[in-house]
Amino acid sequence: MTSLVLHDYFRSSASFRVRAALNLKGLAYERVEVSLIAGDQRSDAYLEQNAQGFVPMLVVDGEPIIQSLAIIDWLDRAYPEPRLIPDDPMPRAVALAQAQVVASDIHPLNNLRVLKYLTKDLGLNEQTKDRWIHEWILQGFDALEAMAGEGRYLGGDAPGIADCCLVPQMYNARRFEVPLDSYPRLAAIDAACMELDAFQRAHPDGVKPA
């Protein structure tokens, strides 16, 4: 039996994506908490396996895989059902484009290391930092709302890779008090996903340390 060990941080949205994907696949895995606040990701032992020092990292029979979308792609190759990334070229491109709106365009500008740099190195105050956070989430959500289609999920009739990216980003938006009234489709899709056990068990509230 393949050994799956997920190194993650409970509130990391990239980690949330992978937890949701693992749960949608129905896979058992061991979870190791890597505290970004405590700096666990910069330890020598962690950097030996993950030179970037990021979470998540999925260790498969001792072999590490980093970057959340690469992990989800591996999961889809290793455990094809249920599919999270379509096989057909056009639906695949649509799903990956939706996922990348979050994973490439919104999230990197608002992750912990960037926010720390804005305040500690550039001297931005909290109000200006919050404006920064809101701007990039709103720009991304404007696009994603238009791309959402009419299905119950971004993935259509079943959740897919784009939904695994959307739900954590909606969680972050609410944490940062981003107004969401302009995004009824995204809100409805997020609510539909959160009715599923896979997303409920992946939620930060379900895995946060005691």
Protein backbone atom coordinates (compact mmCIF):
# COMPACT_ATOMS: atom_id res chain seq x y z
CA MET A 1 0.00 0.00 0.00
CA THR A 2 1.30 3.44 -0.95
CA SER A 3 2.27 5.62 2.00
CA LEU A 4 1.01 9.20 1.75
CA VAL A 5 2.28 11.79 4.24
CA LEU A 6 1.06 15.37 3.86
CA HIS A 7 3.18 18.09 5.41
CA ASP A 8 0.98 21.16 5.68
CA TYR A 9 -0.18 24.10 7.76
CA PHE A 10 -3.79 24.17 8.86
CA ARG A 11 -4.52 27.68 7.54
CA SER A 12 -2.47 27.47 4.34
CA SER A 13 -4.86 27.74 1.39
CA ALA A 14 -2.51 25.71 -0.82
CA SER A 15 -2.58 22.97 1.80
CA PHE A 16 -6.38 23.23 2.03
CA ARG A 17 -6.50 22.52 -1.74
CA VAL A 18 -4.53 19.32 -1.37
CA ARG A 19 -6.46 18.12 1.67
CA ALA A 20 -9.69 18.57 -0.31
CA ALA A 21 -8.25 16.68 -3.28
CA LEU A 22 -7.06 13.79 -1.10
CA ASN A 23 -10.48 13.61 0.54
CA LEU A 24 -12.33 13.73 -2.78
CA LYS A 25 -10.19 10.79 -3.88
CA GLY A 26 -11.07 8.94 -0.67
CA LEU A 27 -7.41 8.45 0.20
CA ALA A 28 -6.02 7.81 3.65
CA TYR A 29 -2.98 9.88 4.54
CA GLU A 30 -0.89 10.91 7.51
CA ARG A 31 -0.85 14.61 8.22
CA VAL A 32 2.18 16.44 9.68
CA GLU A 33 1.61 20.02 10.86
CA VAL A 34 4.29 22.46 9.69
CA SER A 35 3.83 25.70 11.61
CA LEU A 36 4.57 28.62 9.32
CA ILE A 37 4.32 30.96 12.30
CA ALA A 38 6.96 29.02 14.22
CA GLY A 39 9.17 28.75 11.13
CA ASP A 40 9.11 24.95 10.87
CA GLN A 41 9.30 25.26 7.08
CA ARG A 42 12.80 26.76 7.35
CA SER A 43 14.27 23.91 9.39
CA ASP A 44 17.20 22.02 7.90
CA ALA A 45 15.24 18.75 7.95
CA TYR A 46 12.33 20.25 6.03
CA LEU A 47 14.54 22.06 3.50
CA GLU A 48 16.34 18.81 2.74
CA GLN A 49 13.08 17.52 1.26
CA ASN A 50 11.60 20.79 0.02
CA ALA A 51 14.16 23.34 -1.11
CA GLN A 52 11.51 26.07 -1.39
CA GLY A 53 10.52 25.70 2.23
CA PHE A 54 6.81 25.94 1.38
CA VAL A 55 3.75 23.91 2.24
CA PRO A 56 2.20 21.64 1.22
CA MET A 57 4.53 18.76 0.54
CA LEU A 58 3.19 15.27 -0.13
CA VAL A 59 5.68 12.47 0.55
CA VAL A 60 4.81 9.36 -1.45
CA ASP A 61 6.67 6.26 -0.29
CA GLY A 62 9.49 8.55 0.80
CA GLU A 63 9.51 10.67 -2.38
CA PRO A 64 8.47 14.32 -1.91
CA ILE A 65 6.18 16.22 -4.26
CA ILE A 66 5.88 19.98 -3.79
CA GLN A 67 3.50 22.66 -5.17
CA SER A 68 -0.21 22.10 -4.68
CA LEU A 69 -1.23 21.87 -8.35
CA ALA A 70 1.59 19.42 -9.08
CA ILE A 71 0.42 17.31 -6.13
CA ILE A 72 -3.19 17.34 -7.38
CA ASP A 73 -2.02 16.42 -10.89
CA TRP A 74 -0.03 13.48 -9.44
CA LEU A 75 -3.07 12.36 -7.47
CA ASP A 76 -5.15 12.40 -10.63
CA ARG A 77 -2.56 10.29 -12.47
CA ALA A 78 -2.02 7.85 -9.62
CA TYR A 79 -5.69 7.60 -8.58
CA PRO A 80 -7.75 8.45 -11.69
CA GLU A 81 -11.21 8.32 -10.10
CA PRO A 82 -12.91 10.59 -9.44
CA ARG A 83 -11.27 12.83 -12.00
CA LEU A 84 -10.26 16.28 -10.78
CA ILE A 85 -8.65 17.41 -14.05
CA PRO A 86 -10.52 16.47 -17.26
CA ASP A 87 -8.77 14.39 -19.89
CA ASP A 88 -10.30 16.10 -22.92
CA PRO A 89 -8.12 18.99 -24.09
CA MET A 90 -10.66 21.85 -23.98
CA PRO A 91 -12.33 21.02 -20.62
CA ARG A 92 -8.85 20.42 -19.21
CA ALA A 93 -7.69 23.85 -20.36
CA VAL A 94 -10.79 25.49 -18.86
CA ALA A 95 -10.32 23.74 -15.50
CA LEU A 96 -6.63 24.60 -15.30
CA ALA A 97 -7.27 28.22 -16.29
CA GLN A 98 -9.84 28.57 -13.51
CA ALA A 99 -7.47 26.97 -11.02
CA GLN A 100 -4.61 29.22 -12.09
CA VAL A 101 -6.65 32.38 -11.55
CA VAL A 102 -6.47 31.50 -7.87
CA ALA A 103 -3.19 29.61 -7.63
CA SER A 104 -1.11 31.90 -9.85
CA ASP A 105 -2.79 35.31 -9.81
CA ILE A 106 -4.52 35.79 -6.44
CA HIS A 107 -2.86 33.62 -3.83
CA PRO A 108 0.86 34.36 -4.43
CA LEU A 109 0.31 38.09 -3.89
CA ASN A 110 -1.43 37.54 -0.56
CA ASN A 111 0.44 34.70 1.06
CA LEU A 112 2.15 35.01 4.42
CA ARG A 113 5.69 35.73 3.21
CA VAL A 114 4.51 38.51 0.88
CA LEU A 115 2.37 40.12 3.58
CA LYS A 116 5.28 39.99 6.02
CA TYR A 117 7.53 41.65 3.44
CA LEU A 118 4.99 44.42 2.85
CA THR A 119 4.77 45.28 6.54
CA LYS A 120 8.21 44.46 7.94
CA ASP A 121 10.45 45.35 4.98
CA LEU A 122 8.45 47.99 3.12
CA GLY A 123 6.77 49.49 6.18
CA LEU A 124 3.15 49.36 4.99
CA ASN A 125 0.60 49.94 7.72
CA GLU A 126 -2.27 47.54 8.35
CA GLN A 127 -4.81 49.63 6.44
CA THR A 128 -2.63 49.75 3.33
CA LYS A 129 -1.87 46.05 3.63
CA ASP A 130 -5.58 45.30 3.74
CA ARG A 131 -6.12 47.40 0.60
CA TRP A 132 -3.42 45.30 -1.10
CA ILE A 133 -5.09 42.06 -0.06
CA HIS A 134 -8.54 43.16 -1.21
CA GLU A 135 -7.33 44.46 -4.57
CA TRP A 136 -5.87 41.20 -5.81
CA ILE A 137 -8.70 39.03 -4.50
CA LEU A 138 -11.30 41.28 -6.10
CA GLN A 139 -9.49 41.37 -9.44
CA GLY A 140 -9.22 37.59 -9.50
CA PHE A 141 -12.80 37.03 -8.38
CA ASP A 142 -14.09 39.44 -11.04
CA ALA A 143 -12.57 37.17 -13.67
CA LEU A 144 -13.50 33.90 -12.01
CA GLU A 145 -17.14 34.93 -11.54
CA ALA A 146 -17.34 35.50 -15.30
CA MET A 147 -15.66 32.13 -15.94
CA ALA A 148 -17.81 30.16 -13.51
CA GLY A 149 -20.39 28.75 -15.94
CA GLU A 150 -23.75 27.36 -14.88
CA GLY A 151 -22.79 24.07 -13.18
CA ARG A 152 -23.19 23.30 -9.51
CA TYR A 153 -19.40 23.40 -9.24
CA LEU A 154 -16.62 25.06 -11.20
CA GLY A 155 -15.88 21.51 -12.34
CA GLY A 156 -19.44 21.11 -13.64
CA ASP A 157 -21.55 18.36 -12.12
CA ALA A 158 -18.74 17.27 -9.80
CA PRO A 159 -16.02 19.23 -8.00
CA GLY A 160 -12.60 19.39 -9.61
CA ILE A 161 -9.25 21.08 -9.34
CA ALA A 162 -10.73 24.58 -9.74
CA ASP A 163 -13.10 23.98 -6.83
CA CYS A 164 -10.18 22.77 -4.71
CA CYS A 165 -8.60 26.18 -5.37
CA LEU A 166 -11.74 28.30 -5.04
CA VAL A 167 -12.94 27.13 -1.63
CA PRO A 168 -9.72 27.99 0.25
CA GLN A 169 -9.60 31.36 -1.49
CA MET A 170 -13.18 32.09 -0.41
CA TYR A 171 -12.13 31.18 3.14
CA ASN A 172 -9.26 33.66 2.88
CA ALA A 173 -11.52 36.35 1.44
CA ARG A 174 -13.82 36.06 4.43
CA ARG A 175 -10.86 36.12 6.85
CA PHE A 176 -9.73 39.39 5.29
CA GLU A 177 -13.30 40.78 5.19
CA VAL A 178 -13.41 41.09 1.41
CA PRO A 179 -16.94 42.03 0.24
CA LEU A 180 -18.41 39.12 -1.74
CA ASP A 181 -21.84 40.45 -2.78
CA SER A 182 -20.68 40.82 -6.38
CA TYR A 183 -19.85 37.11 -6.68
CA PRO A 184 -23.12 35.13 -6.38
CA ARG A 185 -21.88 32.24 -8.55
CA LEU A 186 -18.68 31.85 -6.56
CA ALA A 187 -20.61 32.00 -3.30
CA ALA A 188 -23.09 29.37 -4.50
CA ILE A 189 -20.29 27.06 -5.70
CA ASP A 190 -18.40 27.50 -2.44
CA ALA A 191 -21.56 26.65 -0.48
CA ALA A 192 -22.17 23.55 -2.63
CA CYS A 193 -18.62 22.36 -2.03
CA MET A 194 -18.89 22.92 1.70
CA GLU A 195 -21.90 20.61 1.82
CA LEU A 196 -19.48 17.79 0.94
CA ASP A 197 -17.67 15.83 3.63
CA ALA A 198 -14.41 16.07 1.64
CA PHE A 199 -14.32 19.85 1.96
CA GLN A 200 -15.62 19.90 5.51
CA ARG A 201 -12.81 17.61 6.66
CA ALA A 202 -10.25 19.67 4.74
CA HIS A 203 -11.36 22.97 6.28
CA PRO A 204 -8.83 24.68 8.58
CA ASP A 205 -11.28 24.47 11.48
CA GLY A 206 -11.26 20.69 11.11
CA VAL A 207 -7.47 20.26 11.25
CA LYS A 208 -6.19 23.16 13.36
CA PRO A 209 -3.98 22.15 16.27
CA ALA A 210 -5.68 21.84 19.64
